[in-house]
Amino acid sequence: MNTAQQTARVGLFFLLGLALTWVTWETLSDGKLFKQTGYTLIAGFENLKELKQGDEVRMAGVKIGSIEKTRLAGRRAEAVLRIDPGVKIASDATATIVMAGLIGTNYVGLDLGTPGAPSLVDGAELRTKITPDINTIMAEIGNLGQKLEGALNSITSSVSGDGKSPGLFQKIDLLVTQNSEKIGTTMSNLQDITTKLKDGEGTLGKLINDPKLHDELLATVAEIKSAAADAKVFVTDTQGIIAQVKAGKGTLGALLYDEESAASIKVTVKNLRDVSDKIARGEGTLGKLLNDDSLYLGVQSTLKKADRAIDGLGDSGPITAVGVAASVLF
């Protein structure tokens, strides 16, 4: 193989290497080797949780950009997001760091925000929200396990004892041992009570075993229900009467709510008061009759004269009697 052929082969391999390098670089940089397109947004977090340059930015699960760089800004970490030029992000959209899987890389997830909200401009800052990652979750699970283990140990100590004080089972056993005689007596008494109930002794025993008493109890309950129903009807009727009175119906309703009737009653009461006042003052025939003694004495004298005239008639005829009576009276 001559020198020219070797030179051509080396040059061809060199060109192929450059082309492969170009394709690889374009693939990794999304075709943005010489020119950055789109606009940038800033997302600040307390912890970027393994986010790095080149990780994806997604909205509703769709890739809309990538992380251009990460940096520290005071007491927080910031991720500079490069967003595709055709994507508009609402000003109230929220960014979170999302874990793509147990062994996957993290990415920045954005929600859609409110419809009609203005869009963010280049260099604007996104609202962010902290979400727990796998490390935080595992730490919380570990703390929960420790608390659960402590609770189980406490339960075990309470039930079985800890060597210094007896446990629940030991206390129960000691209680049963110390009160075995009382427990036996109580069980015997319970047996006697159940025997009496079975034999129909006592009120409860009769109630359980006597069908007649049972029927009477049911009848009493039925009467109570009937009385309750009657009481309900009475209450309903009373409510109806009260409603009619409030509506001004009937005599009582008219007296309470009819202004014309009330005025008539007031006039009548006033007239009765005037009449009683006149009688008390001796005005009128009835007032004089009740208050003037001379009228009473005159009537009494007239009655005495009539009585003497009747006694003096004797055997006189009707005409004579009339004349005598007239002369006596007049």
C-alpha atoms as a PDB file:
ATOM      1  CA  MET A   1       0.000   0.000   0.000  1.00  0.00           C
ATOM      2  CA  ASN A   2       1.535   3.304  -1.069  1.00  0.00           C
ATOM      3  CA  THR A   3       1.747   6.494   0.926  1.00  0.00           C
ATOM      4  CA  ALA A   4      -1.087   8.239  -0.960  1.00  0.00           C
ATOM      5  CA  GLN A   5      -3.587   5.516  -0.095  1.00  0.00           C
ATOM      6  CA  GLN A   6      -2.605   5.566   3.546  1.00  0.00           C
ATOM      7  CA  THR A   7      -2.956   9.342   3.630  1.00  0.00           C
ATOM      8  CA  ALA A   8      -6.418   9.126   2.036  1.00  0.00           C
ATOM      9  CA  ARG A   9      -7.562   6.507   4.547  1.00  0.00           C
ATOM     10  CA  VAL A  10      -6.301   8.515   7.491  1.00  0.00           C
ATOM     11  CA  GLY A  11      -8.042  11.620   6.160  1.00  0.00           C
ATOM     12  CA  LEU A  12     -11.297   9.675   5.641  1.00  0.00           C
ATOM     13  CA  PHE A  13     -11.224   8.293   9.181  1.00  0.00           C
ATOM     14  CA  PHE A  14     -10.505  11.797  10.486  1.00  0.00           C
ATOM     15  CA  LEU A  15     -13.515  13.212   8.640  1.00  0.00           C
ATOM     16  CA  LEU A  16     -15.715  10.361   9.877  1.00  0.00           C
ATOM     17  CA  GLY A  17     -14.542  11.057  13.436  1.00  0.00           C
ATOM     18  CA  LEU A  18     -15.390  14.750  13.091  1.00  0.00           C
ATOM     19  CA  ALA A  19     -18.849  13.899  11.716  1.00  0.00           C
ATOM     20  CA  LEU A  20     -19.508  11.462  14.549  1.00  0.00           C
ATOM     21  CA  THR A  21     -18.359  14.039  17.091  1.00  0.00           C
ATOM     22  CA  TRP A  22     -20.644  16.641  15.494  1.00  0.00           C
ATOM     23  CA  VAL A  23     -23.682  14.322  15.560  1.00  0.00           C
ATOM     24  CA  THR A  24     -23.014  13.350  19.168  1.00  0.00           C
ATOM     25  CA  TRP A  25     -22.644  16.978  20.261  1.00  0.00           C
ATOM     26  CA  GLU A  26     -25.769  18.074  18.426  1.00  0.00           C
ATOM     27  CA  THR A  27     -27.727  15.249  19.994  1.00  0.00           C
ATOM     28  CA  LEU A  28     -26.604  16.066  23.523  1.00  0.00           C
ATOM     29  CA  SER A  29     -27.088  19.826  23.129  1.00  0.00           C
ATOM     30  CA  ASP A  30     -30.445  19.550  21.287  1.00  0.00           C
ATOM     31  CA  GLY A  31     -28.939  21.156  18.197  1.00  0.00           C
ATOM     32  CA  LYS A  32     -27.935  24.314  20.055  1.00  0.00           C
ATOM     33  CA  LEU A  33     -24.234  24.254  19.570  1.00  0.00           C
ATOM     34  CA  PHE A  34     -23.737  27.784  18.371  1.00  0.00           C
ATOM     35  CA  LYS A  35     -27.003  29.530  19.215  1.00  0.00           C
ATOM     36  CA  GLN A  36     -29.212  29.376  22.268  1.00  0.00           C
ATOM     37  CA  THR A  37     -32.916  29.723  21.409  1.00  0.00           C
ATOM     38  CA  GLY A  38     -35.904  30.423  23.627  1.00  0.00           C
ATOM     39  CA  TYR A  39     -35.895  32.418  26.858  1.00  0.00           C
ATOM     40  CA  THR A  40     -34.718  31.842  30.411  1.00  0.00           C
ATOM     41  CA  LEU A  41     -36.599  31.648  33.714  1.00  0.00           C
ATOM     42  CA  ILE A  42     -35.234  31.473  37.251  1.00  0.00           C
ATOM     43  CA  ALA A  43     -36.423  28.847  39.761  1.00  0.00           C
ATOM     44  CA  GLY A  44     -35.118  29.140  43.323  1.00  0.00           C
ATOM     45  CA  PHE A  45     -35.126  26.195  45.792  1.00  0.00           C
ATOM     46  CA  GLU A  46     -33.697  25.426  49.205  1.00  0.00           C
ATOM     47  CA  ASN A  47     -32.130  22.299  47.689  1.00  0.00           C
ATOM     48  CA  LEU A  48     -31.824  21.352  44.013  1.00  0.00           C
ATOM     49  CA  LYS A  49     -31.829  17.612  44.879  1.00  0.00           C
ATOM     50  CA  GLU A  50     -29.256  16.416  42.348  1.00  0.00           C
ATOM     51  CA  LEU A  51     -30.521  18.617  39.515  1.00  0.00           C
ATOM     52  CA  LYS A  52     -27.796  19.350  36.998  1.00  0.00           C
ATOM     53  CA  GLN A  53     -27.238  21.076  33.710  1.00  0.00           C
ATOM     54  CA  GLY A  54     -29.089  19.439  30.844  1.00  0.00           C
ATOM     55  CA  ASP A  55     -31.918  17.936  32.925  1.00  0.00           C
ATOM     56  CA  GLU A  56     -35.361  18.364  31.436  1.00  0.00           C
ATOM     57  CA  VAL A  57     -38.063  20.933  32.132  1.00  0.00           C
ATOM     58  CA  ARG A  58     -41.568  19.533  31.649  1.00  0.00           C
ATOM     59  CA  MET A  59     -45.051  20.996  31.696  1.00  0.00           C
ATOM     60  CA  ALA A  60     -47.918  18.537  32.168  1.00  0.00           C
ATOM     61  CA  GLY A  61     -45.415  15.763  31.368  1.00  0.00           C
ATOM     62  CA  VAL A  62     -44.283  17.332  28.071  1.00  0.00           C
ATOM     63  CA  LYS A  63     -40.691  18.471  27.647  1.00  0.00           C
ATOM     64  CA  ILE A  64     -40.568  22.251  27.081  1.00  0.00           C
ATOM     65  CA  GLY A  65     -36.917  22.977  27.790  1.00  0.00           C
ATOM     66  CA  SER A  66     -33.887  22.083  29.848  1.00  0.00           C
ATOM     67  CA  ILE A  67     -31.747  23.343  32.725  1.00  0.00           C
ATOM     68  CA  GLU A  68     -29.151  25.691  31.352  1.00  0.00           C
ATOM     69  CA  LYS A  69     -27.138  25.975  34.560  1.00  0.00           C
ATOM     70  CA  THR A  70     -27.351  25.785  38.347  1.00  0.00           C
ATOM     71  CA  ARG A  71     -25.918  28.262  40.829  1.00  0.00           C
ATOM     72  CA  LEU A  72     -25.932  29.463  44.418  1.00  0.00           C
ATOM     73  CA  ALA A  73     -27.667  32.758  45.144  1.00  0.00           C
ATOM     74  CA  GLY A  74     -27.245  33.744  48.780  1.00  0.00           C
ATOM     75  CA  ARG A  75     -28.926  31.196  51.020  1.00  0.00           C
ATOM     76  CA  ARG A  76     -30.709  29.352  48.212  1.00  0.00           C
ATOM     77  CA  ALA A  77     -29.905  27.440  45.037  1.00  0.00           C
ATOM     78  CA  GLU A  78     -31.175  28.552  41.647  1.00  0.00           C
ATOM     79  CA  ALA A  79     -31.783  26.678  38.427  1.00  0.00           C
ATOM     80  CA  VAL A  80     -31.744  28.703  35.209  1.00  0.00           C
ATOM     81  CA  LEU A  81     -34.298  27.159  32.877  1.00  0.00           C
ATOM     82  CA  ARG A  82     -34.074  27.469  29.088  1.00  0.00           C
ATOM     83  CA  ILE A  83     -37.664  27.370  27.761  1.00  0.00           C
ATOM     84  CA  ASP A  84     -38.569  26.701  24.122  1.00  0.00           C
ATOM     85  CA  PRO A  85     -39.575  29.906  22.322  1.00  0.00           C
ATOM     86  CA  GLY A  86     -43.062  28.733  21.385  1.00  0.00           C
ATOM     87  CA  VAL A  87     -44.089  27.860  24.946  1.00  0.00           C
ATOM     88  CA  LYS A  88     -45.910  30.419  27.092  1.00  0.00           C
ATOM     89  CA  ILE A  89     -45.862  29.948  30.881  1.00  0.00           C
ATOM     90  CA  ALA A  90     -48.487  31.579  33.099  1.00  0.00           C
ATOM     91  CA  SER A  91     -47.246  33.977  35.745  1.00  0.00           C
ATOM     92  CA  ASP A  92     -48.879  31.899  38.515  1.00  0.00           C
ATOM     93  CA  ALA A  93     -47.405  28.576  37.342  1.00  0.00           C
ATOM     94  CA  THR A  94     -45.517  26.649  40.045  1.00  0.00           C
ATOM     95  CA  ALA A  95     -42.250  24.750  39.587  1.00  0.00           C
ATOM     96  CA  THR A  96     -41.348  21.622  41.578  1.00  0.00           C
ATOM     97  CA  ILE A  97     -38.488  19.168  41.485  1.00  0.00           C
ATOM     98  CA  VAL A  98     -39.891  15.815  40.411  1.00  0.00           C
ATOM     99  CA  MET A  99     -38.193  12.425  40.755  1.00  0.00           C
ATOM    100  CA  ALA A 100     -38.436  10.439  37.519  1.00  0.00           C
ATOM    101  CA  GLY A 101     -38.090   7.104  39.342  1.00  0.00           C
ATOM    102  CA  LEU A 102     -36.152   5.316  42.052  1.00  0.00           C
ATOM    103  CA  ILE A 103     -33.039   5.254  39.875  1.00  0.00           C
ATOM    104  CA  GLY A 104     -34.015   7.943  37.349  1.00  0.00           C
ATOM    105  CA  THR A 105     -32.876  11.532  37.148  1.00  0.00           C
ATOM    106  CA  ASN A 106     -34.837  14.437  38.546  1.00  0.00           C
ATOM    107  CA  TYR A 107     -36.454  17.098  36.414  1.00  0.00           C
ATOM    108  CA  VAL A 108     -38.306  20.378  36.919  1.00  0.00           C
ATOM    109  CA  GLY A 109     -42.079  20.049  36.539  1.00  0.00           C
ATOM    110  CA  LEU A 110     -44.385  23.011  35.871  1.00  0.00           C
ATOM    111  CA  ASP A 111     -48.165  23.154  36.206  1.00  0.00           C
ATOM    112  CA  LEU A 112     -50.336  24.935  33.657  1.00  0.00           C
ATOM    113  CA  GLY A 113     -51.303  27.844  35.901  1.00  0.00           C
ATOM    114  CA  THR A 114     -54.547  29.790  35.628  1.00  0.00           C
ATOM    115  CA  PRO A 115     -56.131  30.251  32.194  1.00  0.00           C
ATOM    116  CA  GLY A 116     -55.923  33.882  31.079  1.00  0.00           C
ATOM    117  CA  ALA A 117     -53.022  34.752  33.392  1.00  0.00           C
ATOM    118  CA  PRO A 118     -50.250  36.872  31.821  1.00  0.00           C
ATOM    119  CA  SER A 119     -47.162  35.046  30.544  1.00  0.00           C
ATOM    120  CA  LEU A 120     -43.718  35.250  32.103  1.00  0.00           C
ATOM    121  CA  VAL A 121     -41.055  37.184  30.226  1.00  0.00           C
ATOM    122  CA  ASP A 122     -37.374  36.438  29.744  1.00  0.00           C
ATOM    123  CA  GLY A 123     -35.472  36.479  33.051  1.00  0.00           C
ATOM    124  CA  ALA A 124     -38.609  36.301  35.243  1.00  0.00           C
ATOM    125  CA  GLU A 125     -38.679  34.202  38.404  1.00  0.00           C
ATOM    126  CA  LEU A 126     -40.983  31.209  38.805  1.00  0.00           C
ATOM    127  CA  ARG A 127     -42.990  30.354  41.874  1.00  0.00           C
ATOM    128  CA  THR A 128     -41.618  27.171  43.455  1.00  0.00           C
ATOM    129  CA  LYS A 129     -42.866  24.529  45.848  1.00  0.00           C
ATOM    130  CA  ILE A 130     -40.874  22.047  47.918  1.00  0.00           C
ATOM    131  CA  THR A 131     -41.761  18.365  47.490  1.00  0.00           C
ATOM    132  CA  PRO A 132     -40.272  15.478  49.483  1.00  0.00           C
ATOM    133  CA  ASP A 133     -37.689  13.351  47.713  1.00  0.00           C
ATOM    134  CA  ILE A 134     -36.820   9.702  48.215  1.00  0.00           C
ATOM    135  CA  ASN A 135     -34.240  10.518  50.899  1.00  0.00           C
ATOM    136  CA  THR A 136     -36.743  12.544  52.923  1.00  0.00           C
ATOM    137  CA  ILE A 137     -39.370   9.820  52.569  1.00  0.00           C
ATOM    138  CA  MET A 138     -36.947   7.113  53.664  1.00  0.00           C
ATOM    139  CA  ALA A 139     -35.863   9.225  56.646  1.00  0.00           C
ATOM    140  CA  GLU A 140     -39.492   9.716  57.676  1.00  0.00           C
ATOM    141  CA  ILE A 141     -40.132   5.985  57.297  1.00  0.00           C
ATOM    142  CA  GLY A 142     -37.100   5.319  59.498  1.00  0.00           C
ATOM    143  CA  ASN A 143     -38.392   7.722  62.159  1.00  0.00           C
ATOM    144  CA  LEU A 144     -41.807   6.103  61.976  1.00  0.00           C
ATOM    145  CA  GLY A 145     -40.208   2.690  62.435  1.00  0.00           C
ATOM    146  CA  GLN A 146     -38.349   3.901  65.504  1.00  0.00           C
ATOM    147  CA  LYS A 147     -41.536   5.339  66.987  1.00  0.00           C
ATOM    148  CA  LEU A 148     -43.401   2.113  66.231  1.00  0.00           C
ATOM    149  CA  GLU A 149     -40.646   0.071  67.844  1.00  0.00           C
ATOM    150  CA  GLY A 150     -40.784   2.278  70.934  1.00  0.00           C
ATOM    151  CA  ALA A 151     -44.566   1.908  71.122  1.00  0.00           C
ATOM    152  CA  LEU A 152     -44.312  -1.885  70.811  1.00  0.00           C
ATOM    153  CA  ASN A 153     -41.673  -1.965  73.539  1.00  0.00           C
ATOM    154  CA  SER A 154     -43.935   0.089  75.795  1.00  0.00           C
ATOM    155  CA  ILE A 155     -46.871  -2.244  75.128  1.00  0.00           C
ATOM    156  CA  THR A 156     -44.674  -5.277  75.811  1.00  0.00           C
ATOM    157  CA  SER A 157     -43.446  -3.769  79.072  1.00  0.00           C
ATOM    158  CA  SER A 158     -46.993  -2.909  80.122  1.00  0.00           C
ATOM    159  CA  VAL A 159     -48.267  -6.405  79.376  1.00  0.00           C
ATOM    160  CA  SER A 160     -45.328  -8.549  80.491  1.00  0.00           C
ATOM    161  CA  GLY A 161     -43.583  -6.258  82.960  1.00  0.00           C
ATOM    162  CA  ASP A 162     -40.062  -4.894  82.940  1.00  0.00           C
ATOM    163  CA  GLY A 163     -38.612  -6.702  85.964  1.00  0.00           C
ATOM    164  CA  LYS A 164     -39.181  -3.735  88.272  1.00  0.00           C
ATOM    165  CA  SER A 165     -42.963  -3.646  88.222  1.00  0.00           C
ATOM    166  CA  PRO A 166     -45.456  -6.402  87.318  1.00  0.00           C
ATOM    167  CA  GLY A 167     -47.161  -6.351  83.925  1.00  0.00           C
ATOM    168  CA  LEU A 168     -50.833  -6.457  83.076  1.00  0.00           C
ATOM    169  CA  PHE A 169     -51.056 -10.253  83.009  1.00  0.00           C
ATOM    170  CA  GLN A 170     -49.195 -10.535  86.310  1.00  0.00           C
ATOM    171  CA  LYS A 171     -51.526  -7.983  87.913  1.00  0.00           C
ATOM    172  CA  ILE A 172     -54.573  -9.876  86.643  1.00  0.00           C
ATOM    173  CA  ASP A 173     -53.188 -13.155  87.946  1.00  0.00           C
ATOM    174  CA  LEU A 174     -52.459 -11.581  91.353  1.00  0.00           C
ATOM    175  CA  LEU A 175     -55.924 -10.004  91.460  1.00  0.00           C
ATOM    176  CA  VAL A 176     -57.603 -13.322  90.676  1.00  0.00           C
ATOM    177  CA  THR A 177     -55.483 -15.133  93.259  1.00  0.00           C
ATOM    178  CA  GLN A 178     -56.234 -12.631  96.022  1.00  0.00           C
ATOM    179  CA  ASN A 179     -59.970 -12.502  95.302  1.00  0.00           C
ATOM    180  CA  SER A 180     -60.598 -16.122  94.344  1.00  0.00           C
ATOM    181  CA  GLU A 181     -62.996 -16.622  97.286  1.00  0.00           C
ATOM    182  CA  LYS A 182     -64.986 -13.495  96.420  1.00  0.00           C
ATOM    183  CA  ILE A 183     -65.081 -14.476  92.773  1.00  0.00           C
ATOM    184  CA  GLY A 184     -66.369 -17.936  93.734  1.00  0.00           C
ATOM    185  CA  THR A 185     -69.079 -16.358  95.913  1.00  0.00           C
ATOM    186  CA  THR A 186     -70.065 -13.980  93.131  1.00  0.00           C
ATOM    187  CA  MET A 187     -70.318 -16.815  90.625  1.00  0.00           C
ATOM    188  CA  SER A 188     -72.448 -18.786  93.108  1.00  0.00           C
ATOM    189  CA  ASN A 189     -74.763 -15.816  93.578  1.00  0.00           C
ATOM    190  CA  LEU A 190     -75.058 -15.381  89.843  1.00  0.00           C
ATOM    191  CA  GLN A 191     -75.942 -19.051  89.527  1.00  0.00           C
ATOM    192  CA  ASP A 192     -78.648 -18.682  92.189  1.00  0.00           C
ATOM    193  CA  ILE A 193     -80.065 -15.619  90.416  1.00  0.00           C
ATOM    194  CA  THR A 194     -80.181 -17.383  87.069  1.00  0.00           C
ATOM    195  CA  THR A 195     -81.849 -20.391  88.706  1.00  0.00           C
ATOM    196  CA  LYS A 196     -84.548 -18.158  90.225  1.00  0.00           C
ATOM    197  CA  LEU A 197     -85.063 -16.452  86.893  1.00  0.00           C
ATOM    198  CA  LYS A 198     -85.416 -19.835  85.228  1.00  0.00           C
ATOM    199  CA  ASP A 199     -87.938 -21.003  87.858  1.00  0.00           C
ATOM    200  CA  GLY A 200     -90.002 -17.806  87.443  1.00  0.00           C
ATOM    201  CA  GLU A 201     -89.295 -16.414  90.917  1.00  0.00           C
ATOM    202  CA  GLY A 202     -89.294 -12.678  91.541  1.00  0.00           C
ATOM    203  CA  THR A 203     -90.576  -9.880  89.330  1.00  0.00           C
ATOM    204  CA  LEU A 204     -88.010 -10.388  86.587  1.00  0.00           C
ATOM    205  CA  GLY A 205     -88.500 -14.140  86.652  1.00  0.00           C
ATOM    206  CA  LYS A 206     -92.278 -13.752  86.312  1.00  0.00           C
ATOM    207  CA  LEU A 207     -91.818 -11.265  83.562  1.00  0.00           C
ATOM    208  CA  ILE A 208     -89.630 -13.706  81.687  1.00  0.00           C
ATOM    209  CA  ASN A 209     -91.678 -16.844  82.295  1.00  0.00           C
ATOM    210  CA  ASP A 210     -95.319 -15.691  82.826  1.00  0.00           C
ATOM    211  CA  PRO A 211     -97.075 -15.146  79.471  1.00  0.00           C
ATOM    212  CA  LYS A 212     -99.969 -13.316  81.168  1.00  0.00           C
ATOM    213  CA  LEU A 213     -97.645 -10.720  82.701  1.00  0.00           C
ATOM    214  CA  HIS A 214     -95.967 -10.376  79.357  1.00  0.00           C
ATOM    215  CA  ASP A 215     -99.316  -9.746  77.654  1.00  0.00           C
ATOM    216  CA  GLU A 216    -100.304  -7.208  80.312  1.00  0.00           C
ATOM    217  CA  LEU A 217     -97.011  -5.402  79.799  1.00  0.00           C
ATOM    218  CA  LEU A 218     -97.634  -5.279  76.064  1.00  0.00           C
ATOM    219  CA  ALA A 219    -101.174  -3.989  76.690  1.00  0.00           C
ATOM    220  CA  THR A 220     -99.787  -1.265  78.969  1.00  0.00           C
ATOM    221  CA  VAL A 221     -97.301  -0.273  76.323  1.00  0.00           C
ATOM    222  CA  ALA A 222    -100.140  -0.156  73.766  1.00  0.00           C
ATOM    223  CA  GLU A 223    -102.171   2.104  76.075  1.00  0.00           C
ATOM    224  CA  ILE A 224     -99.160   4.374  76.541  1.00  0.00           C
ATOM    225  CA  LYS A 225     -98.795   4.581  72.775  1.00  0.00           C
ATOM    226  CA  SER A 226    -102.519   5.372  72.429  1.00  0.00           C
ATOM    227  CA  ALA A 227    -102.262   8.086  75.088  1.00  0.00           C
ATOM    228  CA  ALA A 228     -99.252   9.509  73.317  1.00  0.00           C
ATOM    229  CA  ALA A 229    -101.230   9.543  70.058  1.00  0.00           C
ATOM    230  CA  ASP A 230    -104.140  11.320  71.774  1.00  0.00           C
ATOM    231  CA  ALA A 231    -101.729  13.822  73.271  1.00  0.00           C
ATOM    232  CA  LYS A 232    -100.282  14.400  69.826  1.00  0.00           C
ATOM    233  CA  VAL A 233    -103.779  15.027  68.422  1.00  0.00           C
ATOM    234  CA  PHE A 234    -104.509  17.389  71.335  1.00  0.00           C
ATOM    235  CA  VAL A 235    -101.314  19.311  70.685  1.00  0.00           C
ATOM    236  CA  THR A 236    -102.156  19.485  66.980  1.00  0.00           C
ATOM    237  CA  ASP A 237    -105.662  20.797  67.735  1.00  0.00           C
ATOM    238  CA  THR A 238    -104.229  23.318  70.196  1.00  0.00           C
ATOM    239  CA  GLN A 239    -101.793  24.525  67.600  1.00  0.00           C
ATOM    240  CA  GLY A 240    -104.678  24.913  65.142  1.00  0.00           C
ATOM    241  CA  ILE A 241    -106.693  26.939  67.653  1.00  0.00           C
ATOM    242  CA  ILE A 242    -103.702  29.138  68.401  1.00  0.00           C
ATOM    243  CA  ALA A 243    -103.198  29.667  64.682  1.00  0.00           C
ATOM    244  CA  GLN A 244    -106.844  30.664  64.253  1.00  0.00           C
ATOM    245  CA  VAL A 245    -106.604  33.071  67.214  1.00  0.00           C
ATOM    246  CA  LYS A 246    -103.460  34.620  65.728  1.00  0.00           C
ATOM    247  CA  ALA A 247    -105.273  34.944  62.407  1.00  0.00           C
ATOM    248  CA  GLY A 248    -108.066  36.874  64.174  1.00  0.00           C
ATOM    249  CA  LYS A 249    -110.669  34.164  63.630  1.00  0.00           C
ATOM    250  CA  GLY A 250    -113.419  33.332  66.168  1.00  0.00           C
ATOM    251  CA  THR A 251    -114.572  35.346  69.152  1.00  0.00           C
ATOM    252  CA  LEU A 252    -111.264  35.193  71.025  1.00  0.00           C
ATOM    253  CA  GLY A 253    -109.327  36.036  67.896  1.00  0.00           C
ATOM    254  CA  ALA A 254    -111.588  38.989  67.189  1.00  0.00           C
ATOM    255  CA  LEU A 255    -111.230  40.209  70.786  1.00  0.00           C
ATOM    256  CA  LEU A 256    -107.450  39.959  70.647  1.00  0.00           C
ATOM    257  CA  TYR A 257    -106.686  41.088  67.109  1.00  0.00           C
ATOM    258  CA  ASP A 258    -109.799  42.939  65.779  1.00  0.00           C
ATOM    259  CA  GLU A 259    -109.352  46.644  66.538  1.00  0.00           C
ATOM    260  CA  GLU A 260    -113.043  47.421  65.927  1.00  0.00           C
ATOM    261  CA  SER A 261    -114.149  44.797  68.464  1.00  0.00           C
ATOM    262  CA  ALA A 262    -111.589  46.053  70.952  1.00  0.00           C
ATOM    263  CA  ALA A 263    -112.914  49.604  70.526  1.00  0.00           C
ATOM    264  CA  SER A 264    -116.506  48.395  71.059  1.00  0.00           C
ATOM    265  CA  ILE A 265    -115.470  46.623  74.251  1.00  0.00           C
ATOM    266  CA  LYS A 266    -113.773  49.782  75.491  1.00  0.00           C
ATOM    267  CA  VAL A 267    -116.963  51.821  74.796  1.00  0.00           C
ATOM    268  CA  THR A 268    -119.134  49.255  76.587  1.00  0.00           C
ATOM    269  CA  VAL A 269    -116.857  49.214  79.615  1.00  0.00           C
ATOM    270  CA  LYS A 270    -116.894  53.015  79.688  1.00  0.00           C
ATOM    271  CA  ASN A 271    -120.715  53.089  79.547  1.00  0.00           C
ATOM    272  CA  LEU A 272    -120.962  50.554  82.357  1.00  0.00           C
ATOM    273  CA  ARG A 273    -118.581  52.657  84.409  1.00  0.00           C
ATOM    274  CA  ASP A 274    -120.680  55.802  83.775  1.00  0.00           C
ATOM    275  CA  VAL A 275    -123.899  53.983  84.777  1.00  0.00           C
ATOM    276  CA  SER A 276    -122.308  52.651  87.947  1.00  0.00           C
ATOM    277  CA  ASP A 277    -121.010  56.128  88.784  1.00  0.00           C
ATOM    278  CA  LYS A 278    -124.522  57.627  88.358  1.00  0.00           C
ATOM    279  CA  ILE A 279    -126.087  54.937  90.509  1.00  0.00           C
ATOM    280  CA  ALA A 280    -123.438  55.552  93.172  1.00  0.00           C
ATOM    281  CA  ARG A 281    -124.232  59.286  93.088  1.00  0.00           C
ATOM    282  CA  GLY A 282    -127.997  58.562  93.419  1.00  0.00           C
ATOM    283  CA  GLU A 283    -128.891  59.794  89.952  1.00  0.00           C
ATOM    284  CA  GLY A 284    -131.843  58.310  88.075  1.00  0.00           C
ATOM    285  CA  THR A 285    -134.663  56.140  89.349  1.00  0.00           C
ATOM    286  CA  LEU A 286    -132.443  53.188  90.225  1.00  0.00           C
ATOM    287  CA  GLY A 287    -129.915  55.486  91.899  1.00  0.00           C
ATOM    288  CA  LYS A 288    -132.589  57.169  94.002  1.00  0.00           C
ATOM    289  CA  LEU A 289    -134.134  53.817  94.834  1.00  0.00           C
ATOM    290  CA  LEU A 290    -130.775  52.574  96.107  1.00  0.00           C
ATOM    291  CA  ASN A 291    -129.562  55.775  97.796  1.00  0.00           C
ATOM    292  CA  ASP A 292    -132.726  57.820  98.840  1.00  0.00           C
ATOM    293  CA  ASP A 293    -134.268  56.567 102.115  1.00  0.00           C
ATOM    294  CA  SER A 294    -137.354  58.798 101.747  1.00  0.00           C
ATOM    295  CA  LEU A 295    -138.464  56.914  98.660  1.00  0.00           C
ATOM    296  CA  TYR A 296    -138.114  53.660 100.535  1.00  0.00           C
ATOM    297  CA  LEU A 297    -140.098  55.065 103.499  1.00  0.00           C
ATOM    298  CA  GLY A 298    -142.818  56.360 101.174  1.00  0.00           C
ATOM    299  CA  VAL A 299    -143.235  53.011  99.505  1.00  0.00           C
ATOM    300  CA  GLN A 300    -143.348  51.342 102.928  1.00  0.00           C
ATOM    301  CA  SER A 301    -146.046  53.792 104.157  1.00  0.00           C
ATOM    302  CA  THR A 302    -148.126  53.193 101.038  1.00  0.00           C
ATOM    303  CA  LEU A 303    -147.930  49.452 101.529  1.00  0.00           C
ATOM    304  CA  LYS A 304    -149.094  49.854 105.170  1.00  0.00           C
ATOM    305  CA  LYS A 305    -152.091  52.000 104.077  1.00  0.00           C
ATOM    306  CA  ALA A 306    -153.006  49.417 101.470  1.00  0.00           C
ATOM    307  CA  ASP A 307    -152.821  46.729 104.089  1.00  0.00           C
ATOM    308  CA  ARG A 308    -155.197  48.681 106.425  1.00  0.00           C
ATOM    309  CA  ALA A 309    -157.581  49.305 103.577  1.00  0.00           C
ATOM    310  CA  ILE A 310    -157.750  45.665 102.753  1.00  0.00           C
ATOM    311  CA  ASP A 311    -158.412  44.844 106.430  1.00  0.00           C
ATOM    312  CA  GLY A 312    -161.272  47.428 106.573  1.00  0.00           C
ATOM    313  CA  LEU A 313    -163.122  46.103 103.579  1.00  0.00           C
ATOM    314  CA  GLY A 314    -164.817  43.432 105.639  1.00  0.00           C
ATOM    315  CA  ASP A 315    -168.011  42.398 103.990  1.00  0.00           C
ATOM    316  CA  SER A 316    -168.394  45.544 101.828  1.00  0.00           C
ATOM    317  CA  GLY A 317    -169.178  45.095  98.168  1.00  0.00           C
ATOM    318  CA  PRO A 318    -166.784  45.538  95.390  1.00  0.00           C
ATOM    319  CA  ILE A 319    -167.704  49.134  94.728  1.00  0.00           C
ATOM    320  CA  THR A 320    -167.448  50.086  98.372  1.00  0.00           C
ATOM    321  CA  ALA A 321    -164.116  48.311  98.581  1.00  0.00           C
ATOM    322  CA  VAL A 322    -162.785  50.215  95.634  1.00  0.00           C
ATOM    323  CA  GLY A 323    -163.979  53.470  97.106  1.00  0.00           C
ATOM    324  CA  VAL A 324    -162.448  52.729 100.479  1.00  0.00           C
ATOM    325  CA  ALA A 325    -159.183  51.740  98.882  1.00  0.00           C
ATOM    326  CA  ALA A 326    -159.117  54.890  96.794  1.00  0.00           C
ATOM    327  CA  SER A 327    -159.866  57.088  99.809  1.00  0.00           C
ATOM    328  CA  VAL A 328    -157.144  55.429 101.795  1.00  0.00           C
ATOM    329  CA  LEU A 329    -154.553  55.674  99.060  1.00  0.00           C
ATOM    330  CA  PHE A 330    -155.403  59.163  97.828  1.00  0.00           C
END
